[in-house]
Amino acid sequence: MDTVENMSPELLAFEARLAKDEVIEPKDWMPADYAKTLLRQISQHAHSEVIGMQPEGNWVLRAPTFRAKKILLAKIQDEGGHGLYLYSAAETLGMDRSQMIDQLHEGKAKYSSIFNYPALNWADIGAIGWLVDGAAIVNQVSLQRTSFGPYARAMVRICMEESFHQRQGYEIMVRMMRGNEAQRQMAQDAMNRWWWPALMMFGPHDKDSAHTQQSMKWKIKRQSNDVLRQRFVDKTIPQAHFIGLNVPDPDLKYDEETKSYQIGEINWDEFNQVIRGNGFCNHARLSHHKKRIGKESGYVRLQLHTL
């Protein structure tokens, strides 16, 4: 561990800037591990945005109304843009996006485990928008204050667009819960399947997270996994109850003292299996991604029109 006595002048100045909440820009001096952590997090975030287009892209032509098709198509376009903003932010750290995508294809980089679950019906598109994008917003709002300037600035626009995505998903769930019994059962089934994977999106408990402590010290992360997960839980459960959905957690209870919900234990074995490549859709998602990437003139072009 570094002490003040053995820290270089550059590192001392860097730590002082972080203590004053100054923004670090690409041309500023930064520790190699800080840049490495940023590259890992931002590239994973970018990969997640682009891979996340796949389950929704499968439903554009099957959406129930022309209005729903237009909204879903606009959302997918946003997700592609988010990926491009984030790849651009990561490139300011000196790595070309083609290298990042090669790392993904070679299994050296990850994307969010949530996108390895199948979207079986239209209610799943609602659950993805409401729960998955809702969890993303909770995490990403705090990233608007991350210590690395390009990442923070990218998150401002991304968060505005993600709020539209969450409303789109919740609207689908509201409409289905106002429909017939079969539609209500479909919505509840989607809730049952997506609730726990959405909670896993925040990552392991703080005590088990390999990166949280250092990322918070560097102010890359502003709040811990457990704090963000609890915020999502307390925000989302009342929304579910309001439209008549049951939360699939037999151990769920409301704590009057803390004014928050206490949830049951998350199945971390399932989480670990999915991130190791053993989820329902790991192989299909990555194989599809490999087929839809073109290399032209030395750069990677995302062929969004061939979802």
C-alpha atoms as a PDB file:
ATOM      1  CA  MET A   1       0.000   0.000   0.000  1.00  0.00           C
ATOM      2  CA  ASP A   2       1.285   3.452  -0.893  1.00  0.00           C
ATOM      3  CA  THR A   3       2.130   5.823   1.941  1.00  0.00           C
ATOM      4  CA  VAL A   4       2.672   9.551   1.651  1.00  0.00           C
ATOM      5  CA  GLU A   5       6.418   8.986   2.104  1.00  0.00           C
ATOM      6  CA  ASN A   6       6.791   6.703  -0.928  1.00  0.00           C
ATOM      7  CA  MET A   7       4.240   8.320  -3.244  1.00  0.00           C
ATOM      8  CA  SER A   8       5.577  10.137  -6.293  1.00  0.00           C
ATOM      9  CA  PRO A   9       4.815  13.854  -6.729  1.00  0.00           C
ATOM     10  CA  GLU A  10       2.500  12.959  -9.619  1.00  0.00           C
ATOM     11  CA  LEU A  11       0.534  10.491  -7.506  1.00  0.00           C
ATOM     12  CA  LEU A  12       0.310  12.959  -4.627  1.00  0.00           C
ATOM     13  CA  ALA A  13      -1.056  15.606  -6.985  1.00  0.00           C
ATOM     14  CA  PHE A  14      -3.510  13.084  -8.478  1.00  0.00           C
ATOM     15  CA  GLU A  15      -4.813  12.084  -5.045  1.00  0.00           C
ATOM     16  CA  ALA A  16      -5.151  15.750  -4.097  1.00  0.00           C
ATOM     17  CA  ARG A  17      -7.248  16.436  -7.197  1.00  0.00           C
ATOM     18  CA  LEU A  18      -9.556  13.545  -6.389  1.00  0.00           C
ATOM     19  CA  ALA A  19      -9.914  14.801  -2.816  1.00  0.00           C
ATOM     20  CA  LYS A  20     -11.103  18.143  -4.218  1.00  0.00           C
ATOM     21  CA  ASP A  21     -13.533  16.378  -6.588  1.00  0.00           C
ATOM     22  CA  GLU A  22     -11.698  17.661  -9.641  1.00  0.00           C
ATOM     23  CA  VAL A  23     -12.381  15.941 -12.966  1.00  0.00           C
ATOM     24  CA  ILE A  24      -9.564  13.916 -14.517  1.00  0.00           C
ATOM     25  CA  GLU A  25      -9.182  14.411 -18.267  1.00  0.00           C
ATOM     26  CA  PRO A  26      -7.458  12.077 -20.776  1.00  0.00           C
ATOM     27  CA  LYS A  27      -4.270  14.167 -21.098  1.00  0.00           C
ATOM     28  CA  ASP A  28      -3.858  14.500 -17.329  1.00  0.00           C
ATOM     29  CA  TRP A  29      -1.415  12.282 -15.464  1.00  0.00           C
ATOM     30  CA  MET A  30      -3.111   9.239 -13.922  1.00  0.00           C
ATOM     31  CA  PRO A  31      -1.901   5.995 -12.332  1.00  0.00           C
ATOM     32  CA  ALA A  32      -1.744   3.055 -14.736  1.00  0.00           C
ATOM     33  CA  ASP A  33      -4.159   1.060 -12.566  1.00  0.00           C
ATOM     34  CA  TYR A  34      -6.680   3.908 -12.643  1.00  0.00           C
ATOM     35  CA  ALA A  35      -6.621   3.899 -16.456  1.00  0.00           C
ATOM     36  CA  LYS A  36      -6.812   0.076 -16.507  1.00  0.00           C
ATOM     37  CA  THR A  37      -9.844   0.083 -14.211  1.00  0.00           C
ATOM     38  CA  LEU A  38     -11.576   2.704 -16.332  1.00  0.00           C
ATOM     39  CA  LEU A  39     -10.920   0.761 -19.530  1.00  0.00           C
ATOM     40  CA  ARG A  40     -12.355  -2.399 -17.994  1.00  0.00           C
ATOM     41  CA  GLN A  41     -15.480  -0.658 -16.710  1.00  0.00           C
ATOM     42  CA  ILE A  42     -16.194   1.607 -19.689  1.00  0.00           C
ATOM     43  CA  SER A  43     -15.575  -1.085 -22.310  1.00  0.00           C
ATOM     44  CA  GLN A  44     -17.786  -3.534 -20.393  1.00  0.00           C
ATOM     45  CA  HIS A  45     -20.467  -0.863 -20.252  1.00  0.00           C
ATOM     46  CA  ALA A  46     -20.139  -0.248 -24.012  1.00  0.00           C
ATOM     47  CA  HIS A  47     -20.300  -3.971 -24.808  1.00  0.00           C
ATOM     48  CA  SER A  48     -23.420  -4.279 -22.648  1.00  0.00           C
ATOM     49  CA  GLU A  49     -25.217  -1.502 -24.498  1.00  0.00           C
ATOM     50  CA  VAL A  50     -24.559  -3.084 -27.890  1.00  0.00           C
ATOM     51  CA  ILE A  51     -25.204  -6.711 -26.885  1.00  0.00           C
ATOM     52  CA  GLY A  52     -28.394  -5.488 -25.191  1.00  0.00           C
ATOM     53  CA  MET A  53     -29.789  -4.513 -28.585  1.00  0.00           C
ATOM     54  CA  GLN A  54     -30.162  -8.173 -29.537  1.00  0.00           C
ATOM     55  CA  PRO A  55     -33.124  -9.346 -27.397  1.00  0.00           C
ATOM     56  CA  GLU A  56     -35.064  -6.200 -28.294  1.00  0.00           C
ATOM     57  CA  GLY A  57     -34.134  -6.325 -31.976  1.00  0.00           C
ATOM     58  CA  ASN A  58     -35.851  -9.700 -32.195  1.00  0.00           C
ATOM     59  CA  TRP A  59     -39.163  -8.055 -31.252  1.00  0.00           C
ATOM     60  CA  VAL A  60     -39.288  -5.064 -33.617  1.00  0.00           C
ATOM     61  CA  LEU A  61     -41.366  -6.875 -36.244  1.00  0.00           C
ATOM     62  CA  ARG A  62     -43.458  -8.668 -33.610  1.00  0.00           C
ATOM     63  CA  ALA A  63     -44.396  -5.664 -31.497  1.00  0.00           C
ATOM     64  CA  PRO A  64     -48.216  -5.536 -31.143  1.00  0.00           C
ATOM     65  CA  THR A  65     -48.820  -2.067 -32.646  1.00  0.00           C
ATOM     66  CA  PHE A  66     -47.149   0.300 -35.083  1.00  0.00           C
ATOM     67  CA  ARG A  67     -46.622   2.762 -32.213  1.00  0.00           C
ATOM     68  CA  ALA A  68     -44.897   0.064 -30.155  1.00  0.00           C
ATOM     69  CA  LYS A  69     -42.646  -0.776 -33.110  1.00  0.00           C
ATOM     70  CA  LYS A  70     -41.584   2.849 -33.517  1.00  0.00           C
ATOM     71  CA  ILE A  71     -40.838   3.262 -29.823  1.00  0.00           C
ATOM     72  CA  LEU A  72     -38.865   0.032 -29.635  1.00  0.00           C
ATOM     73  CA  LEU A  73     -36.874   0.913 -32.745  1.00  0.00           C
ATOM     74  CA  ALA A  74     -36.041   4.330 -31.280  1.00  0.00           C
ATOM     75  CA  LYS A  75     -34.902   2.652 -28.074  1.00  0.00           C
ATOM     76  CA  ILE A  76     -32.632   0.216 -29.927  1.00  0.00           C
ATOM     77  CA  GLN A  77     -31.125   3.130 -31.848  1.00  0.00           C
ATOM     78  CA  ASP A  78     -30.398   4.849 -28.533  1.00  0.00           C
ATOM     79  CA  GLU A  79     -28.621   1.763 -27.206  1.00  0.00           C
ATOM     80  CA  GLY A  80     -26.357   1.666 -30.264  1.00  0.00           C
ATOM     81  CA  GLY A  81     -25.550   5.322 -29.677  1.00  0.00           C
ATOM     82  CA  HIS A  82     -24.747   4.652 -26.037  1.00  0.00           C
ATOM     83  CA  GLY A  83     -22.273   1.996 -27.072  1.00  0.00           C
ATOM     84  CA  LEU A  84     -20.588   4.406 -29.464  1.00  0.00           C
ATOM     85  CA  TYR A  85     -20.383   7.204 -26.851  1.00  0.00           C
ATOM     86  CA  LEU A  86     -18.775   4.787 -24.420  1.00  0.00           C
ATOM     87  CA  TYR A  87     -16.326   3.278 -26.900  1.00  0.00           C
ATOM     88  CA  SER A  88     -15.284   6.843 -27.757  1.00  0.00           C
ATOM     89  CA  ALA A  89     -14.776   7.641 -24.058  1.00  0.00           C
ATOM     90  CA  ALA A  90     -12.678   4.511 -23.594  1.00  0.00           C
ATOM     91  CA  GLU A  91     -10.575   5.329 -26.668  1.00  0.00           C
ATOM     92  CA  THR A  92      -9.356   8.517 -24.968  1.00  0.00           C
ATOM     93  CA  LEU A  93      -7.400   6.171 -22.684  1.00  0.00           C
ATOM     94  CA  GLY A  94      -5.372   4.886 -25.616  1.00  0.00           C
ATOM     95  CA  MET A  95      -7.114   1.690 -26.703  1.00  0.00           C
ATOM     96  CA  ASP A  96      -8.815   1.417 -30.086  1.00  0.00           C
ATOM     97  CA  ARG A  97     -12.363   0.074 -30.069  1.00  0.00           C
ATOM     98  CA  SER A  98     -11.331  -2.752 -32.391  1.00  0.00           C
ATOM     99  CA  GLN A  99      -9.041  -3.957 -29.605  1.00  0.00           C
ATOM    100  CA  MET A 100     -11.889  -3.741 -27.097  1.00  0.00           C
ATOM    101  CA  ILE A 101     -14.154  -5.772 -29.353  1.00  0.00           C
ATOM    102  CA  ASP A 102     -11.404  -8.309 -29.966  1.00  0.00           C
ATOM    103  CA  GLN A 103     -11.105  -8.705 -26.194  1.00  0.00           C
ATOM    104  CA  LEU A 104     -14.849  -9.323 -25.985  1.00  0.00           C
ATOM    105  CA  HIS A 105     -14.731 -11.947 -28.731  1.00  0.00           C
ATOM    106  CA  GLU A 106     -11.737 -13.640 -27.112  1.00  0.00           C
ATOM    107  CA  GLY A 107     -13.445 -13.834 -23.714  1.00  0.00           C
ATOM    108  CA  LYS A 108     -11.059 -11.340 -22.095  1.00  0.00           C
ATOM    109  CA  ALA A 109     -13.803  -8.733 -21.622  1.00  0.00           C
ATOM    110  CA  LYS A 110     -17.340  -9.088 -20.312  1.00  0.00           C
ATOM    111  CA  TYR A 111     -20.761  -7.539 -20.743  1.00  0.00           C
ATOM    112  CA  SER A 112     -23.633  -7.402 -18.261  1.00  0.00           C
ATOM    113  CA  SER A 113     -24.914 -10.840 -17.269  1.00  0.00           C
ATOM    114  CA  ILE A 114     -28.524  -9.660 -17.701  1.00  0.00           C
ATOM    115  CA  PHE A 115     -28.290  -9.904 -21.477  1.00  0.00           C
ATOM    116  CA  ASN A 116     -27.776 -13.656 -21.343  1.00  0.00           C
ATOM    117  CA  TYR A 117     -31.429 -14.241 -20.473  1.00  0.00           C
ATOM    118  CA  PRO A 118     -33.997 -14.830 -23.253  1.00  0.00           C
ATOM    119  CA  ALA A 119     -36.847 -12.451 -24.154  1.00  0.00           C
ATOM    120  CA  LEU A 120     -39.656 -14.988 -24.645  1.00  0.00           C
ATOM    121  CA  ASN A 121     -42.637 -12.704 -25.255  1.00  0.00           C
ATOM    122  CA  TRP A 122     -43.773  -9.085 -25.403  1.00  0.00           C
ATOM    123  CA  ALA A 123     -44.008  -8.833 -21.619  1.00  0.00           C
ATOM    124  CA  ASP A 124     -40.277  -9.531 -21.464  1.00  0.00           C
ATOM    125  CA  ILE A 125     -39.666  -6.372 -23.489  1.00  0.00           C
ATOM    126  CA  GLY A 126     -41.647  -4.504 -20.860  1.00  0.00           C
ATOM    127  CA  ALA A 127     -39.664  -6.114 -18.046  1.00  0.00           C
ATOM    128  CA  ILE A 128     -36.369  -5.305 -19.770  1.00  0.00           C
ATOM    129  CA  GLY A 129     -37.316  -1.653 -20.163  1.00  0.00           C
ATOM    130  CA  TRP A 130     -38.736  -1.264 -16.671  1.00  0.00           C
ATOM    131  CA  LEU A 131     -36.450  -3.486 -14.567  1.00  0.00           C
ATOM    132  CA  VAL A 132     -33.208  -3.745 -16.544  1.00  0.00           C
ATOM    133  CA  ASP A 133     -33.080  -0.141 -17.722  1.00  0.00           C
ATOM    134  CA  GLY A 134     -34.434   0.944 -14.348  1.00  0.00           C
ATOM    135  CA  ALA A 135     -31.517  -0.775 -12.609  1.00  0.00           C
ATOM    136  CA  ALA A 136     -29.141   0.765 -15.152  1.00  0.00           C
ATOM    137  CA  ILE A 137     -30.449   4.259 -14.407  1.00  0.00           C
ATOM    138  CA  VAL A 138     -29.896   3.864 -10.672  1.00  0.00           C
ATOM    139  CA  ASN A 139     -26.298   2.898 -11.331  1.00  0.00           C
ATOM    140  CA  GLN A 140     -25.669   5.394 -14.107  1.00  0.00           C
ATOM    141  CA  VAL A 141     -27.046   8.479 -12.393  1.00  0.00           C
ATOM    142  CA  SER A 142     -24.214   8.215  -9.879  1.00  0.00           C
ATOM    143  CA  LEU A 143     -21.740   7.790 -12.756  1.00  0.00           C
ATOM    144  CA  GLN A 144     -22.563  11.298 -13.961  1.00  0.00           C
ATOM    145  CA  ARG A 145     -20.231  12.330 -11.124  1.00  0.00           C
ATOM    146  CA  THR A 146     -17.501   9.792 -11.853  1.00  0.00           C
ATOM    147  CA  SER A 147     -14.000  11.209 -11.660  1.00  0.00           C
ATOM    148  CA  PHE A 148     -13.099  10.654 -15.345  1.00  0.00           C
ATOM    149  CA  GLY A 149     -14.428  13.478 -17.492  1.00  0.00           C
ATOM    150  CA  PRO A 150     -15.288  11.706 -20.791  1.00  0.00           C
ATOM    151  CA  TYR A 151     -17.173   8.963 -18.933  1.00  0.00           C
ATOM    152  CA  ALA A 152     -19.096  11.432 -16.777  1.00  0.00           C
ATOM    153  CA  ARG A 153     -20.114  13.544 -19.765  1.00  0.00           C
ATOM    154  CA  ALA A 154     -21.250  10.515 -21.763  1.00  0.00           C
ATOM    155  CA  MET A 155     -23.455   9.452 -18.846  1.00  0.00           C
ATOM    156  CA  VAL A 156     -25.405  12.730 -18.851  1.00  0.00           C
ATOM    157  CA  ARG A 157     -27.002  12.032 -22.230  1.00  0.00           C
ATOM    158  CA  ILE A 158     -27.223   8.289 -21.640  1.00  0.00           C
ATOM    159  CA  CYS A 159     -29.191   8.796 -18.425  1.00  0.00           C
ATOM    160  CA  MET A 160     -31.686  11.098 -20.130  1.00  0.00           C
ATOM    161  CA  GLU A 161     -32.332   8.508 -22.814  1.00  0.00           C
ATOM    162  CA  GLU A 162     -32.457   5.602 -20.355  1.00  0.00           C
ATOM    163  CA  SER A 163     -35.266   7.355 -18.481  1.00  0.00           C
ATOM    164  CA  PHE A 164     -37.303   7.150 -21.696  1.00  0.00           C
ATOM    165  CA  HIS A 165     -36.467   3.445 -21.947  1.00  0.00           C
ATOM    166  CA  GLN A 166     -37.679   2.806 -18.420  1.00  0.00           C
ATOM    167  CA  ARG A 167     -40.966   4.599 -19.081  1.00  0.00           C
ATOM    168  CA  GLN A 168     -41.432   2.575 -22.264  1.00  0.00           C
ATOM    169  CA  GLY A 169     -41.029  -0.667 -20.325  1.00  0.00           C
ATOM    170  CA  TYR A 170     -43.305   0.368 -17.480  1.00  0.00           C
ATOM    171  CA  GLU A 171     -45.987   1.457 -19.940  1.00  0.00           C
ATOM    172  CA  ILE A 172     -45.940  -2.015 -21.494  1.00  0.00           C
ATOM    173  CA  MET A 173     -46.358  -3.630 -18.080  1.00  0.00           C
ATOM    174  CA  VAL A 174     -49.184  -1.241 -17.125  1.00  0.00           C
ATOM    175  CA  ARG A 175     -51.054  -1.996 -20.353  1.00  0.00           C
ATOM    176  CA  MET A 176     -50.685  -5.731 -19.857  1.00  0.00           C
ATOM    177  CA  MET A 177     -51.871  -5.568 -16.245  1.00  0.00           C
ATOM    178  CA  ARG A 178     -54.955  -3.692 -17.479  1.00  0.00           C
ATOM    179  CA  GLY A 179     -55.617  -6.404 -20.077  1.00  0.00           C
ATOM    180  CA  ASN A 180     -57.187  -9.840 -19.829  1.00  0.00           C
ATOM    181  CA  GLU A 181     -56.158 -12.634 -17.493  1.00  0.00           C
ATOM    182  CA  ALA A 182     -53.721 -14.173 -19.990  1.00  0.00           C
ATOM    183  CA  GLN A 183     -51.961 -10.828 -20.414  1.00  0.00           C
ATOM    184  CA  ARG A 184     -51.741 -10.310 -16.661  1.00  0.00           C
ATOM    185  CA  GLN A 185     -50.264 -13.780 -16.220  1.00  0.00           C
ATOM    186  CA  MET A 186     -47.743 -13.050 -18.969  1.00  0.00           C
ATOM    187  CA  ALA A 187     -46.673  -9.843 -17.197  1.00  0.00           C
ATOM    188  CA  GLN A 188     -46.335 -11.643 -13.865  1.00  0.00           C
ATOM    189  CA  ASP A 189     -44.310 -14.430 -15.466  1.00  0.00           C
ATOM    190  CA  ALA A 190     -41.924 -11.857 -16.949  1.00  0.00           C
ATOM    191  CA  MET A 191     -41.637 -10.204 -13.533  1.00  0.00           C
ATOM    192  CA  ASN A 192     -40.828 -13.569 -11.976  1.00  0.00           C
ATOM    193  CA  ARG A 193     -38.039 -14.277 -14.463  1.00  0.00           C
ATOM    194  CA  TRP A 194     -36.415 -10.839 -14.627  1.00  0.00           C
ATOM    195  CA  TRP A 195     -36.592  -9.627 -11.008  1.00  0.00           C
ATOM    196  CA  TRP A 196     -33.616 -11.534  -9.650  1.00  0.00           C
ATOM    197  CA  PRO A 197     -31.330 -11.064 -12.682  1.00  0.00           C
ATOM    198  CA  ALA A 198     -32.062  -7.318 -12.446  1.00  0.00           C
ATOM    199  CA  LEU A 199     -30.862  -7.324  -8.823  1.00  0.00           C
ATOM    200  CA  MET A 200     -27.716  -9.176  -9.895  1.00  0.00           C
ATOM    201  CA  MET A 201     -26.880  -6.323 -12.288  1.00  0.00           C
ATOM    202  CA  PHE A 202     -25.455  -4.327  -9.384  1.00  0.00           C
ATOM    203  CA  GLY A 203     -22.775  -6.954  -8.840  1.00  0.00           C
ATOM    204  CA  PRO A 204     -21.743  -8.935  -5.762  1.00  0.00           C
ATOM    205  CA  HIS A 205     -22.253  -7.731  -2.222  1.00  0.00           C
ATOM    206  CA  ASP A 206     -19.719  -5.088  -1.257  1.00  0.00           C
ATOM    207  CA  LYS A 207     -17.767  -7.513   0.943  1.00  0.00           C
ATOM    208  CA  ASP A 208     -17.349  -9.886  -2.019  1.00  0.00           C
ATOM    209  CA  SER A 209     -16.648  -7.327  -4.776  1.00  0.00           C
ATOM    210  CA  ALA A 210     -13.122  -7.354  -6.155  1.00  0.00           C
ATOM    211  CA  HIS A 211     -13.243  -3.822  -7.552  1.00  0.00           C
ATOM    212  CA  THR A 212     -15.676  -1.724  -5.492  1.00  0.00           C
ATOM    213  CA  GLN A 213     -13.332  -0.500  -2.759  1.00  0.00           C
ATOM    214  CA  GLN A 214     -10.610   0.753  -5.099  1.00  0.00           C
ATOM    215  CA  SER A 215     -13.094   2.205  -7.602  1.00  0.00           C
ATOM    216  CA  MET A 216     -14.737   4.195  -4.813  1.00  0.00           C
ATOM    217  CA  LYS A 217     -11.372   5.394  -3.538  1.00  0.00           C
ATOM    218  CA  TRP A 218     -10.643   6.743  -7.016  1.00  0.00           C
ATOM    219  CA  LYS A 219     -14.202   8.097  -7.251  1.00  0.00           C
ATOM    220  CA  ILE A 220     -14.844   6.117 -10.408  1.00  0.00           C
ATOM    221  CA  LYS A 221     -17.776   4.664  -8.502  1.00  0.00           C
ATOM    222  CA  ARG A 222     -19.579   7.022  -6.184  1.00  0.00           C
ATOM    223  CA  GLN A 223     -21.752   4.498  -4.353  1.00  0.00           C
ATOM    224  CA  SER A 224     -21.355   0.833  -3.554  1.00  0.00           C
ATOM    225  CA  ASN A 225     -23.164  -2.128  -5.098  1.00  0.00           C
ATOM    226  CA  ASP A 226     -25.362  -2.747  -2.069  1.00  0.00           C
ATOM    227  CA  VAL A 227     -26.356   0.897  -1.675  1.00  0.00           C
ATOM    228  CA  LEU A 228     -27.378   1.129  -5.337  1.00  0.00           C
ATOM    229  CA  ARG A 229     -29.238  -2.193  -5.237  1.00  0.00           C
ATOM    230  CA  GLN A 230     -31.212  -1.080  -2.169  1.00  0.00           C
ATOM    231  CA  ARG A 231     -32.126   2.171  -3.897  1.00  0.00           C
ATOM    232  CA  PHE A 232     -33.458   0.231  -6.885  1.00  0.00           C
ATOM    233  CA  VAL A 233     -35.445  -2.128  -4.643  1.00  0.00           C
ATOM    234  CA  ASP A 234     -37.073   0.695  -2.678  1.00  0.00           C
ATOM    235  CA  LYS A 235     -37.953   2.540  -5.880  1.00  0.00           C
ATOM    236  CA  THR A 236     -39.241  -0.412  -7.901  1.00  0.00           C
ATOM    237  CA  ILE A 237     -41.312  -2.491  -5.466  1.00  0.00           C
ATOM    238  CA  PRO A 238     -43.940   0.245  -4.961  1.00  0.00           C
ATOM    239  CA  GLN A 239     -44.202   0.567  -8.751  1.00  0.00           C
ATOM    240  CA  ALA A 240     -44.872  -3.175  -9.013  1.00  0.00           C
ATOM    241  CA  HIS A 241     -47.496  -3.112  -6.271  1.00  0.00           C
ATOM    242  CA  PHE A 242     -49.202  -0.092  -7.821  1.00  0.00           C
ATOM    243  CA  ILE A 243     -50.065  -2.000 -10.998  1.00  0.00           C
ATOM    244  CA  GLY A 244     -50.820  -5.284  -9.238  1.00  0.00           C
ATOM    245  CA  LEU A 245     -47.616  -7.243  -9.814  1.00  0.00           C
ATOM    246  CA  ASN A 246     -46.253  -9.522  -7.111  1.00  0.00           C
ATOM    247  CA  VAL A 247     -42.546  -9.437  -6.309  1.00  0.00           C
ATOM    248  CA  PRO A 248     -41.241 -13.030  -6.538  1.00  0.00           C
ATOM    249  CA  ASP A 249     -39.505 -13.019  -3.168  1.00  0.00           C
ATOM    250  CA  PRO A 250     -41.100 -15.011  -0.299  1.00  0.00           C
ATOM    251  CA  ASP A 251     -38.689 -13.384   2.159  1.00  0.00           C
ATOM    252  CA  LEU A 252     -39.525  -9.818   1.159  1.00  0.00           C
ATOM    253  CA  LYS A 253     -40.561  -7.569   4.027  1.00  0.00           C
ATOM    254  CA  TYR A 254     -40.844  -3.873   4.736  1.00  0.00           C
ATOM    255  CA  ASP A 255     -38.815  -2.425   7.596  1.00  0.00           C
ATOM    256  CA  GLU A 256     -40.798   0.375   9.212  1.00  0.00           C
ATOM    257  CA  GLU A 257     -37.763   1.639  11.078  1.00  0.00           C
ATOM    258  CA  THR A 258     -35.546   2.125   8.031  1.00  0.00           C
ATOM    259  CA  LYS A 259     -38.477   2.730   5.631  1.00  0.00           C
ATOM    260  CA  SER A 260     -36.952   0.265   3.189  1.00  0.00           C
ATOM    261  CA  TYR A 261     -37.519  -3.246   1.871  1.00  0.00           C
ATOM    262  CA  GLN A 262     -35.479  -6.233   2.975  1.00  0.00           C
ATOM    263  CA  ILE A 263     -35.062  -8.843   0.249  1.00  0.00           C
ATOM    264  CA  GLY A 264     -34.200 -12.524   0.349  1.00  0.00           C
ATOM    265  CA  GLU A 265     -30.824 -13.955  -0.593  1.00  0.00           C
ATOM    266  CA  ILE A 266     -29.755 -13.608  -4.210  1.00  0.00           C
ATOM    267  CA  ASN A 267     -28.709 -16.806  -6.004  1.00  0.00           C
ATOM    268  CA  TRP A 268     -25.053 -15.934  -6.541  1.00  0.00           C
ATOM    269  CA  ASP A 269     -24.332 -19.396  -7.927  1.00  0.00           C
ATOM    270  CA  GLU A 270     -26.591 -18.548 -10.871  1.00  0.00           C
ATOM    271  CA  PHE A 271     -24.886 -15.169 -11.279  1.00  0.00           C
ATOM    272  CA  ASN A 272     -21.440 -16.764 -11.345  1.00  0.00           C
ATOM    273  CA  GLN A 273     -22.531 -19.417 -13.830  1.00  0.00           C
ATOM    274  CA  VAL A 274     -23.871 -16.777 -16.219  1.00  0.00           C
ATOM    275  CA  ILE A 275     -20.765 -14.576 -16.114  1.00  0.00           C
ATOM    276  CA  ARG A 276     -18.633 -17.687 -16.723  1.00  0.00           C
ATOM    277  CA  GLY A 277     -20.480 -18.220 -19.989  1.00  0.00           C
ATOM    278  CA  ASN A 278     -23.049 -20.788 -18.899  1.00  0.00           C
ATOM    279  CA  GLY A 279     -26.221 -18.696 -19.145  1.00  0.00           C
ATOM    280  CA  PHE A 280     -29.167 -19.383 -21.437  1.00  0.00           C
ATOM    281  CA  CYS A 281     -27.942 -17.107 -24.232  1.00  0.00           C
ATOM    282  CA  ASN A 282     -24.194 -16.537 -23.742  1.00  0.00           C
ATOM    283  CA  HIS A 283     -23.150 -18.449 -26.834  1.00  0.00           C
ATOM    284  CA  ALA A 284     -25.941 -17.100 -29.050  1.00  0.00           C
ATOM    285  CA  ARG A 285     -25.394 -13.461 -28.023  1.00  0.00           C
ATOM    286  CA  LEU A 286     -21.647 -13.526 -28.620  1.00  0.00           C
ATOM    287  CA  SER A 287     -21.887 -15.532 -31.842  1.00  0.00           C
ATOM    288  CA  HIS A 288     -24.423 -13.067 -33.216  1.00  0.00           C
ATOM    289  CA  HIS A 289     -22.200 -10.147 -32.244  1.00  0.00           C
ATOM    290  CA  LYS A 290     -19.201 -11.652 -34.034  1.00  0.00           C
ATOM    291  CA  LYS A 291     -21.224 -12.047 -37.229  1.00  0.00           C
ATOM    292  CA  ARG A 292     -22.437  -8.433 -37.192  1.00  0.00           C
ATOM    293  CA  ILE A 293     -19.092  -6.652 -36.827  1.00  0.00           C
ATOM    294  CA  GLY A 294     -17.308  -5.377 -39.933  1.00  0.00           C
ATOM    295  CA  LYS A 295     -13.741  -4.050 -40.145  1.00  0.00           C
ATOM    296  CA  GLU A 296     -13.225  -1.338 -42.719  1.00  0.00           C
ATOM    297  CA  SER A 297     -10.297   1.041 -43.136  1.00  0.00           C
ATOM    298  CA  GLY A 298      -8.756  -0.025 -39.841  1.00  0.00           C
ATOM    299  CA  TYR A 299     -11.757   0.632 -37.605  1.00  0.00           C
ATOM    300  CA  VAL A 300     -14.691  -1.374 -36.353  1.00  0.00           C
ATOM    301  CA  ARG A 301     -18.094  -0.524 -37.794  1.00  0.00           C
ATOM    302  CA  LEU A 302     -21.151  -1.680 -35.866  1.00  0.00           C
ATOM    303  CA  GLN A 303     -23.645  -2.903 -38.440  1.00  0.00           C
ATOM    304  CA  LEU A 304     -26.751  -1.873 -36.546  1.00  0.00           C
ATOM    305  CA  HIS A 305     -29.031  -2.448 -39.534  1.00  0.00           C
ATOM    306  CA  THR A 306     -28.397  -6.210 -39.445  1.00  0.00           C
ATOM    307  CA  LEU A 307     -29.630  -6.927 -35.950  1.00  0.00           C
END
